[in-house]
Amino acid sequence: MALRYDQTKEGAPKVIGKGQGLLAEKLLELAREYDIPIHEDRDLVEILARLDLNEEIPPATYVVVAEILAFIYRANESFRP
């Protein structure tokens, strides 16, 4: 599952990539290749997998996704020169 959030353009994060099996493995491989942080949460994936591409996440997932995004923002800050 891949999410994107641009707070200047979007009301909530959107699902921009998802897959199962080999496609999921390829998404993880690309994330690792580009040093994109990976967070695994099977319950969250189950909810988000029901969404269509470019669909905003449901309000019930805002807190969990916000925590993940905060983790990613902090990780990105630690890599900046």
N, C-alpha and C. Protein backbone atom coordinates (compact mmCIF):
# COMPACT_ATOMS: atom_id res chain seq x y z
N MET A 1 0.84 -1.16 0.00
CA MET A 1 0.00 0.00 0.00
C MET A 1 0.89 1.23 0.00
N ALA A 2 0.60 2.16 -0.85
CA ALA A 2 1.35 3.41 -0.90
C ALA A 2 0.36 4.57 -0.75
N LEU A 3 0.73 5.51 0.10
CA LEU A 3 -0.12 6.68 0.35
C LEU A 3 0.61 7.95 -0.05
N ARG A 4 -0.17 8.96 -0.42
CA ARG A 4 0.38 10.29 -0.69
C ARG A 4 -0.50 11.29 0.04
N TYR A 5 0.17 12.32 0.57
CA TYR A 5 -0.59 13.38 1.21
C TYR A 5 0.09 14.71 0.98
N ASP A 6 -0.63 15.60 0.32
CA ASP A 6 -0.17 16.97 0.11
C ASP A 6 -1.21 17.86 0.76
N GLN A 7 -0.89 18.34 1.94
CA GLN A 7 -1.88 19.09 2.72
C GLN A 7 -2.31 20.38 2.05
N THR A 8 -1.56 20.85 1.06
CA THR A 8 -1.96 22.07 0.36
C THR A 8 -2.97 21.78 -0.75
N LYS A 9 -3.10 20.51 -1.15
CA LYS A 9 -3.98 20.16 -2.26
C LYS A 9 -5.07 19.15 -1.90
N GLU A 10 -4.86 18.39 -0.82
CA GLU A 10 -5.76 17.29 -0.52
C GLU A 10 -6.31 17.41 0.89
N GLY A 11 -7.55 16.95 1.09
CA GLY A 11 -8.15 16.98 2.40
C GLY A 11 -7.68 15.86 3.31
N ALA A 12 -7.25 14.76 2.70
CA ALA A 12 -6.79 13.60 3.46
C ALA A 12 -5.82 12.81 2.58
N PRO A 13 -5.00 11.96 3.19
CA PRO A 13 -4.10 11.12 2.38
C PRO A 13 -4.90 10.24 1.41
N LYS A 14 -4.28 9.93 0.29
CA LYS A 14 -4.91 9.09 -0.73
C LYS A 14 -4.07 7.85 -0.98
N VAL A 15 -4.75 6.78 -1.34
CA VAL A 15 -4.07 5.55 -1.75
C VAL A 15 -3.58 5.76 -3.17
N ILE A 16 -2.26 5.64 -3.38
CA ILE A 16 -1.73 5.83 -4.74
C ILE A 16 -1.07 4.57 -5.29
N GLY A 17 -1.00 3.54 -4.48
CA GLY A 17 -0.46 2.28 -4.96
C GLY A 17 -0.84 1.15 -4.03
N LYS A 18 -1.19 0.02 -4.63
CA LYS A 18 -1.51 -1.14 -3.81
C LYS A 18 -1.34 -2.39 -4.66
N GLY A 19 -1.15 -3.48 -3.98
CA GLY A 19 -0.99 -4.73 -4.69
C GLY A 19 -0.89 -5.89 -3.73
N GLN A 20 -0.97 -7.08 -4.31
CA GLN A 20 -0.86 -8.31 -3.54
C GLN A 20 0.20 -9.18 -4.18
N GLY A 21 0.74 -10.09 -3.41
CA GLY A 21 1.68 -11.06 -3.96
C GLY A 21 2.91 -10.41 -4.57
N LEU A 22 3.19 -10.74 -5.83
CA LEU A 22 4.38 -10.23 -6.50
C LEU A 22 4.35 -8.71 -6.66
N LEU A 23 3.18 -8.16 -6.92
CA LEU A 23 3.08 -6.70 -7.05
C LEU A 23 3.41 -6.01 -5.73
N ALA A 24 2.92 -6.56 -4.64
CA ALA A 24 3.24 -6.00 -3.32
C ALA A 24 4.73 -6.08 -3.05
N GLU A 25 5.34 -7.20 -3.41
CA GLU A 25 6.78 -7.34 -3.22
C GLU A 25 7.54 -6.32 -4.05
N LYS A 26 7.07 -6.04 -5.28
CA LYS A 26 7.71 -5.04 -6.13
C LYS A 26 7.59 -3.65 -5.52
N LEU A 27 6.42 -3.34 -4.96
CA LEU A 27 6.25 -2.04 -4.29
C LEU A 27 7.22 -1.89 -3.13
N LEU A 28 7.38 -2.96 -2.35
CA LEU A 28 8.32 -2.92 -1.23
C LEU A 28 9.75 -2.79 -1.73
N GLU A 29 10.07 -3.49 -2.80
CA GLU A 29 11.42 -3.41 -3.38
C GLU A 29 11.73 -1.99 -3.84
N LEU A 30 10.77 -1.35 -4.51
CA LEU A 30 10.97 0.03 -4.97
C LEU A 30 11.11 0.98 -3.78
N ALA A 31 10.31 0.78 -2.76
CA ALA A 31 10.40 1.63 -1.57
C ALA A 31 11.79 1.52 -0.95
N ARG A 32 12.29 0.30 -0.85
CA ARG A 32 13.63 0.11 -0.28
C ARG A 32 14.69 0.75 -1.17
N GLU A 33 14.54 0.59 -2.47
CA GLU A 33 15.51 1.14 -3.43
C GLU A 33 15.61 2.66 -3.31
N TYR A 34 14.49 3.32 -3.04
CA TYR A 34 14.48 4.77 -2.96
C TYR A 34 14.46 5.28 -1.51
N ASP A 35 14.81 4.39 -0.57
CA ASP A 35 14.88 4.75 0.84
C ASP A 35 13.58 5.35 1.37
N ILE A 36 12.47 4.82 0.91
CA ILE A 36 11.17 5.25 1.40
C ILE A 36 10.85 4.42 2.64
N PRO A 37 10.55 5.07 3.75
CA PRO A 37 10.26 4.31 4.97
C PRO A 37 9.07 3.37 4.78
N ILE A 38 9.16 2.20 5.37
CA ILE A 38 8.11 1.18 5.28
C ILE A 38 7.58 0.94 6.68
N HIS A 39 6.26 0.94 6.80
CA HIS A 39 5.60 0.64 8.07
C HIS A 39 4.59 -0.47 7.81
N GLU A 40 4.65 -1.54 8.57
CA GLU A 40 3.73 -2.66 8.37
C GLU A 40 2.66 -2.67 9.45
N ASP A 41 1.41 -2.69 9.01
CA ASP A 41 0.27 -2.75 9.91
C ASP A 41 -0.83 -3.51 9.17
N ARG A 42 -0.96 -4.79 9.45
CA ARG A 42 -1.90 -5.65 8.71
C ARG A 42 -3.35 -5.17 8.83
N ASP A 43 -3.74 -4.69 10.00
CA ASP A 43 -5.12 -4.22 10.17
C ASP A 43 -5.39 -3.00 9.30
N LEU A 44 -4.44 -2.07 9.27
CA LEU A 44 -4.60 -0.88 8.45
C LEU A 44 -4.62 -1.25 6.97
N VAL A 45 -3.75 -2.15 6.56
CA VAL A 45 -3.72 -2.58 5.16
C VAL A 45 -5.05 -3.20 4.77
N GLU A 46 -5.63 -3.98 5.66
CA GLU A 46 -6.93 -4.60 5.36
C GLU A 46 -7.99 -3.55 5.06
N ILE A 47 -7.98 -2.47 5.83
CA ILE A 47 -8.94 -1.39 5.61
C ILE A 47 -8.64 -0.65 4.31
N LEU A 48 -7.38 -0.28 4.11
CA LEU A 48 -7.01 0.52 2.95
C LEU A 48 -7.10 -0.28 1.65
N ALA A 49 -6.95 -1.60 1.73
CA ALA A 49 -7.02 -2.43 0.52
C ALA A 49 -8.40 -2.38 -0.12
N ARG A 50 -9.39 -2.03 0.64
CA ARG A 50 -10.77 -1.94 0.10
C ARG A 50 -10.98 -0.67 -0.72
N LEU A 51 -10.05 0.28 -0.60
CA LEU A 51 -10.20 1.55 -1.31
C LEU A 51 -9.70 1.46 -2.74
N ASP A 52 -10.24 2.30 -3.59
CA ASP A 52 -9.76 2.42 -4.96
C ASP A 52 -8.54 3.33 -5.00
N LEU A 53 -7.76 3.22 -6.06
CA LEU A 53 -6.63 4.13 -6.24
C LEU A 53 -7.13 5.56 -6.30
N ASN A 54 -6.38 6.46 -5.70
CA ASN A 54 -6.68 7.89 -5.61
C ASN A 54 -7.88 8.21 -4.73
N GLU A 55 -8.34 7.24 -3.97
CA GLU A 55 -9.43 7.48 -3.02
C GLU A 55 -8.84 7.91 -1.68
N GLU A 56 -9.47 8.91 -1.05
CA GLU A 56 -9.01 9.36 0.25
C GLU A 56 -9.26 8.29 1.31
N ILE A 57 -8.38 8.24 2.31
CA ILE A 57 -8.54 7.28 3.38
C ILE A 57 -9.77 7.65 4.21
N PRO A 58 -10.41 6.67 4.85
CA PRO A 58 -11.59 6.97 5.67
C PRO A 58 -11.21 7.66 6.97
N PRO A 59 -12.10 8.50 7.49
CA PRO A 59 -11.82 9.21 8.75
C PRO A 59 -11.42 8.29 9.90
N ALA A 60 -11.91 7.08 9.93
CA ALA A 60 -11.58 6.16 11.02
C ALA A 60 -10.09 5.81 11.06
N THR A 61 -9.38 6.04 9.96
CA THR A 61 -7.95 5.72 9.90
C THR A 61 -7.06 6.94 10.06
N TYR A 62 -7.64 8.12 10.22
CA TYR A 62 -6.83 9.35 10.29
C TYR A 62 -5.75 9.30 11.37
N VAL A 63 -6.09 8.87 12.57
CA VAL A 63 -5.12 8.90 13.67
C VAL A 63 -3.95 7.96 13.38
N VAL A 64 -4.26 6.75 12.95
CA VAL A 64 -3.18 5.79 12.67
C VAL A 64 -2.30 6.28 11.54
N VAL A 65 -2.91 6.76 10.47
CA VAL A 65 -2.14 7.25 9.33
C VAL A 65 -1.35 8.50 9.72
N ALA A 66 -1.92 9.37 10.54
CA ALA A 66 -1.20 10.57 11.00
C ALA A 66 0.05 10.18 11.78
N GLU A 67 -0.06 9.14 12.61
CA GLU A 67 1.11 8.67 13.36
C GLU A 67 2.20 8.15 12.42
N ILE A 68 1.77 7.43 11.39
CA ILE A 68 2.73 6.90 10.41
C ILE A 68 3.39 8.05 9.65
N LEU A 69 2.59 9.02 9.21
CA LEU A 69 3.15 10.16 8.48
C LEU A 69 4.10 10.96 9.37
N ALA A 70 3.78 11.12 10.64
CA ALA A 70 4.68 11.82 11.55
C ALA A 70 6.00 11.08 11.67
N PHE A 71 5.94 9.76 11.75
CA PHE A 71 7.16 8.95 11.78
C PHE A 71 7.99 9.19 10.52
N ILE A 72 7.34 9.20 9.38
CA ILE A 72 8.04 9.39 8.10
C ILE A 72 8.65 10.79 8.03
N TYR A 73 7.90 11.81 8.45
CA TYR A 73 8.44 13.17 8.42
C TYR A 73 9.67 13.28 9.31
N ARG A 74 9.60 12.67 10.50
CA ARG A 74 10.77 12.70 11.40
C ARG A 74 11.96 11.96 10.78
N ALA A 75 11.68 10.83 10.13
CA ALA A 75 12.75 10.07 9.48
C ALA A 75 13.38 10.89 8.37
N ASN A 76 12.55 11.59 7.59
CA ASN A 76 13.08 12.42 6.51
C ASN A 76 13.95 13.55 7.05
N GLU A 77 13.55 14.15 8.15
CA GLU A 77 14.33 15.23 8.75
C GLU A 77 15.71 14.74 9.17
N SER A 78 15.81 13.52 9.65
CA SER A 78 17.10 13.01 10.11
C SER A 78 18.04 12.74 8.95
N PHE A 79 17.52 12.64 7.73
CA PHE A 79 18.38 12.39 6.57
C PHE A 79 18.80 13.67 5.85
N ARG A 80 18.22 14.79 6.21
CA ARG A 80 18.57 16.06 5.55
C ARG A 80 19.92 16.55 6.04
N PRO A 81 20.74 17.08 5.12
CA PRO A 81 22.07 17.60 5.52
C PRO A 81 21.97 18.86 6.34
